[in-house]
Amino acid sequence: MKTTSFLVQMVVLLVLGTLVAQAAVLTVVAQDRARHPSKHGFCPRVPIHCNVWNPPNQCWRDAHCPGAKKCCKGFCGKTCMNPR
């Protein structure tokens, strides 16, 4: 009987720990989006991509791009592009 009670307690602790961790991650993501809002429009489709393992990126998020341009996946890495 004691092992069943112990297992139940462990499962409850694992579930609660997972929920707390998920809530923390969602909070960080929401704060990041509030600090760096994305710009209007959608990135254009790029049908062909280079075969480089770690392509060079000219930007990481929309805030790194001038004017109305968005940070999009380009032919080889992320680059600033005009939205469609």
N, C-alpha and C. Protein backbone atom coordinates (compact mmCIF):
# COMPACT_ATOMS: atom_id res chain seq x y z
N MET A 1 0.81 -1.18 0.00
CA MET A 1 0.00 0.00 0.00
C MET A 1 0.87 1.26 0.00
N LYS A 2 2.00 1.21 0.71
CA LYS A 2 2.87 2.38 0.77
C LYS A 2 3.48 2.70 -0.58
N THR A 3 3.85 1.69 -1.37
CA THR A 3 4.46 1.96 -2.67
C THR A 3 3.46 2.61 -3.61
N THR A 4 2.21 2.23 -3.55
CA THR A 4 1.19 2.85 -4.39
C THR A 4 1.04 4.32 -4.02
N SER A 5 1.01 4.62 -2.74
CA SER A 5 0.88 5.99 -2.28
C SER A 5 2.10 6.81 -2.72
N PHE A 6 3.27 6.21 -2.61
CA PHE A 6 4.50 6.89 -3.02
C PHE A 6 4.48 7.16 -4.52
N LEU A 7 4.06 6.19 -5.32
CA LEU A 7 3.99 6.37 -6.77
C LEU A 7 3.00 7.47 -7.15
N VAL A 8 1.87 7.50 -6.48
CA VAL A 8 0.87 8.52 -6.75
C VAL A 8 1.44 9.90 -6.43
N GLN A 9 2.14 10.02 -5.29
CA GLN A 9 2.75 11.30 -4.92
C GLN A 9 3.81 11.72 -5.95
N MET A 10 4.59 10.78 -6.43
CA MET A 10 5.62 11.09 -7.42
C MET A 10 4.99 11.56 -8.73
N VAL A 11 3.93 10.89 -9.17
CA VAL A 11 3.25 11.28 -10.40
C VAL A 11 2.66 12.68 -10.26
N VAL A 12 2.05 12.96 -9.12
CA VAL A 12 1.47 14.29 -8.89
C VAL A 12 2.57 15.35 -8.92
N LEU A 13 3.70 15.07 -8.27
CA LEU A 13 4.81 16.03 -8.27
C LEU A 13 5.36 16.24 -9.68
N LEU A 14 5.49 15.19 -10.46
CA LEU A 14 5.98 15.31 -11.83
C LEU A 14 5.02 16.14 -12.69
N VAL A 15 3.73 15.89 -12.54
CA VAL A 15 2.74 16.64 -13.32
C VAL A 15 2.76 18.12 -12.92
N LEU A 16 2.80 18.40 -11.63
CA LEU A 16 2.84 19.79 -11.18
C LEU A 16 4.13 20.48 -11.63
N GLY A 17 5.25 19.78 -11.57
CA GLY A 17 6.51 20.35 -12.03
C GLY A 17 6.47 20.68 -13.51
N THR A 18 5.87 19.79 -14.30
CA THR A 18 5.75 20.02 -15.73
C THR A 18 4.86 21.23 -16.02
N LEU A 19 3.76 21.35 -15.29
CA LEU A 19 2.86 22.48 -15.49
C LEU A 19 3.53 23.81 -15.11
N VAL A 20 4.30 23.81 -14.04
CA VAL A 20 5.00 25.02 -13.62
C VAL A 20 6.05 25.41 -14.66
N ALA A 21 6.79 24.43 -15.16
CA ALA A 21 7.82 24.71 -16.17
C ALA A 21 7.18 25.24 -17.45
N GLN A 22 6.07 24.66 -17.86
CA GLN A 22 5.39 25.12 -19.08
C GLN A 22 4.87 26.55 -18.90
N ALA A 23 4.34 26.86 -17.74
CA ALA A 23 3.85 28.21 -17.48
C ALA A 23 5.00 29.22 -17.52
N ALA A 24 6.15 28.83 -17.00
CA ALA A 24 7.32 29.72 -17.02
C ALA A 24 7.78 29.99 -18.44
N VAL A 25 7.81 28.95 -19.27
CA VAL A 25 8.23 29.11 -20.67
C VAL A 25 7.25 30.00 -21.42
N LEU A 26 5.96 29.79 -21.23
CA LEU A 26 4.96 30.60 -21.91
C LEU A 26 5.04 32.07 -21.49
N THR A 27 5.37 32.32 -20.23
CA THR A 27 5.51 33.68 -19.75
C THR A 27 6.70 34.37 -20.43
N VAL A 28 7.82 33.66 -20.55
CA VAL A 28 9.00 34.21 -21.19
C VAL A 28 8.72 34.50 -22.66
N VAL A 29 8.04 33.59 -23.35
CA VAL A 29 7.70 33.79 -24.76
C VAL A 29 6.79 35.00 -24.92
N ALA A 30 5.81 35.15 -24.06
CA ALA A 30 4.89 36.29 -24.14
C ALA A 30 5.63 37.60 -23.89
N GLN A 31 6.56 37.61 -22.93
CA GLN A 31 7.33 38.82 -22.66
C GLN A 31 8.22 39.17 -23.85
N ASP A 32 8.81 38.17 -24.49
CA ASP A 32 9.66 38.41 -25.64
C ASP A 32 8.85 38.98 -26.80
N ARG A 33 7.65 38.46 -27.02
CA ARG A 33 6.80 38.97 -28.09
C ARG A 33 6.34 40.40 -27.81
N ALA A 34 6.12 40.72 -26.54
CA ALA A 34 5.70 42.08 -26.18
C ALA A 34 6.84 43.07 -26.42
N ARG A 35 8.08 42.64 -26.16
CA ARG A 35 9.23 43.52 -26.37
C ARG A 35 9.58 43.67 -27.84
N HIS A 36 9.35 42.62 -28.62
CA HIS A 36 9.72 42.60 -30.03
C HIS A 36 8.52 42.19 -30.89
N PRO A 37 7.56 43.09 -31.06
CA PRO A 37 6.38 42.72 -31.86
C PRO A 37 6.75 42.50 -33.32
N SER A 38 6.05 41.61 -33.97
CA SER A 38 6.31 41.36 -35.39
C SER A 38 5.60 42.41 -36.22
N LYS A 39 6.11 42.62 -37.41
CA LYS A 39 5.53 43.62 -38.31
C LYS A 39 4.38 43.00 -39.11
N HIS A 40 3.56 43.84 -39.70
CA HIS A 40 2.41 43.38 -40.47
C HIS A 40 2.84 42.71 -41.76
N GLY A 41 2.01 41.80 -42.24
CA GLY A 41 2.27 41.12 -43.50
C GLY A 41 2.85 39.73 -43.29
N PHE A 42 3.06 39.04 -44.39
CA PHE A 42 3.58 37.68 -44.35
C PHE A 42 4.88 37.60 -45.16
N CYS A 43 5.72 36.71 -44.74
CA CYS A 43 6.97 36.50 -45.48
C CYS A 43 6.67 35.83 -46.82
N PRO A 44 7.40 36.26 -47.88
CA PRO A 44 7.20 35.59 -49.18
C PRO A 44 7.74 34.17 -49.14
N ARG A 45 7.16 33.32 -49.96
CA ARG A 45 7.62 31.93 -50.05
C ARG A 45 8.89 31.86 -50.87
N VAL A 46 9.84 31.13 -50.37
CA VAL A 46 11.09 30.89 -51.10
C VAL A 46 11.13 29.39 -51.39
N PRO A 47 10.89 28.99 -52.64
CA PRO A 47 10.74 27.56 -52.95
C PRO A 47 12.04 26.76 -52.87
N ILE A 48 13.18 27.40 -53.04
CA ILE A 48 14.45 26.67 -53.04
C ILE A 48 15.32 27.20 -51.91
N HIS A 49 15.96 26.30 -51.18
CA HIS A 49 16.83 26.68 -50.07
C HIS A 49 18.20 26.07 -50.28
N CYS A 50 19.23 26.77 -49.79
CA CYS A 50 20.59 26.24 -49.92
C CYS A 50 20.77 25.03 -48.99
N ASN A 51 21.80 24.30 -49.22
CA ASN A 51 22.04 23.07 -48.48
C ASN A 51 23.12 23.24 -47.41
N VAL A 52 23.24 24.43 -46.86
CA VAL A 52 24.25 24.70 -45.84
C VAL A 52 23.68 24.30 -44.48
N TRP A 53 24.49 23.64 -43.66
CA TRP A 53 24.04 23.14 -42.36
C TRP A 53 23.60 24.29 -41.46
N ASN A 54 24.39 25.35 -41.36
CA ASN A 54 24.09 26.49 -40.51
C ASN A 54 24.23 27.76 -41.34
N PRO A 55 23.22 28.10 -42.14
CA PRO A 55 23.35 29.25 -43.04
C PRO A 55 23.48 30.57 -42.28
N PRO A 56 24.16 31.55 -42.87
CA PRO A 56 24.32 32.85 -42.20
C PRO A 56 22.99 33.60 -42.16
N ASN A 57 22.71 34.23 -41.06
CA ASN A 57 21.49 35.01 -40.90
C ASN A 57 21.84 36.49 -40.87
N GLN A 58 21.09 37.31 -41.63
CA GLN A 58 21.27 38.76 -41.60
C GLN A 58 20.39 39.40 -40.53
N CYS A 59 19.42 38.64 -40.02
CA CYS A 59 18.53 39.15 -38.98
C CYS A 59 18.05 37.97 -38.14
N TRP A 60 17.48 38.29 -36.97
CA TRP A 60 16.91 37.26 -36.10
C TRP A 60 15.42 37.45 -35.91
N ARG A 61 14.96 38.71 -35.93
CA ARG A 61 13.53 39.01 -35.78
C ARG A 61 13.21 40.28 -36.55
N ASP A 62 11.94 40.56 -36.69
CA ASP A 62 11.49 41.70 -37.49
C ASP A 62 12.10 43.02 -37.04
N ALA A 63 12.35 43.18 -35.75
CA ALA A 63 12.89 44.43 -35.22
C ALA A 63 14.28 44.73 -35.78
N HIS A 64 14.98 43.73 -36.27
CA HIS A 64 16.32 43.92 -36.84
C HIS A 64 16.27 44.45 -38.27
N CYS A 65 15.10 44.50 -38.87
CA CYS A 65 14.97 44.93 -40.27
C CYS A 65 14.46 46.36 -40.36
N PRO A 66 14.96 47.12 -41.35
CA PRO A 66 14.54 48.52 -41.47
C PRO A 66 13.13 48.65 -42.07
N GLY A 67 12.47 49.73 -41.71
CA GLY A 67 11.16 50.05 -42.29
C GLY A 67 10.14 48.94 -42.10
N ALA A 68 9.42 48.63 -43.17
CA ALA A 68 8.36 47.63 -43.12
C ALA A 68 8.86 46.22 -43.42
N LYS A 69 10.16 46.07 -43.67
CA LYS A 69 10.69 44.75 -44.01
C LYS A 69 10.60 43.80 -42.83
N LYS A 70 10.43 42.52 -43.14
CA LYS A 70 10.32 41.47 -42.14
C LYS A 70 11.53 40.56 -42.22
N CYS A 71 11.86 39.91 -41.10
CA CYS A 71 12.94 38.93 -41.07
C CYS A 71 12.35 37.59 -41.49
N CYS A 72 12.74 37.11 -42.68
CA CYS A 72 12.14 35.91 -43.26
C CYS A 72 13.22 34.89 -43.65
N LYS A 73 12.81 33.65 -43.79
CA LYS A 73 13.71 32.63 -44.32
C LYS A 73 13.91 32.89 -45.80
N GLY A 74 15.14 33.14 -46.17
CA GLY A 74 15.45 33.41 -47.57
C GLY A 74 16.05 32.18 -48.23
N PHE A 75 16.75 32.41 -49.34
CA PHE A 75 17.37 31.30 -50.07
C PHE A 75 18.40 30.60 -49.19
N CYS A 76 19.19 31.39 -48.44
CA CYS A 76 20.22 30.78 -47.61
C CYS A 76 20.33 31.57 -46.29
N GLY A 77 19.50 31.21 -45.34
CA GLY A 77 19.47 31.89 -44.05
C GLY A 77 18.39 32.95 -43.99
N LYS A 78 18.24 33.55 -42.82
CA LYS A 78 17.24 34.60 -42.64
C LYS A 78 17.76 35.92 -43.18
N THR A 79 16.85 36.67 -43.83
CA THR A 79 17.19 37.96 -44.40
C THR A 79 15.98 38.89 -44.35
N CYS A 80 16.21 40.18 -44.43
CA CYS A 80 15.13 41.16 -44.44
C CYS A 80 14.47 41.20 -45.80
N MET A 81 13.16 41.03 -45.84
CA MET A 81 12.42 41.02 -47.10
C MET A 81 11.16 41.87 -46.99
N ASN A 82 10.69 42.36 -48.12
CA ASN A 82 9.41 43.07 -48.18
C ASN A 82 8.29 42.06 -47.99
N PRO A 83 7.34 42.35 -47.10
CA PRO A 83 6.23 41.41 -46.88
C PRO A 83 5.29 41.39 -48.06
N ARG A 84 4.52 40.32 -48.16
CA ARG A 84 3.51 40.24 -49.23
C ARG A 84 2.15 40.51 -48.65
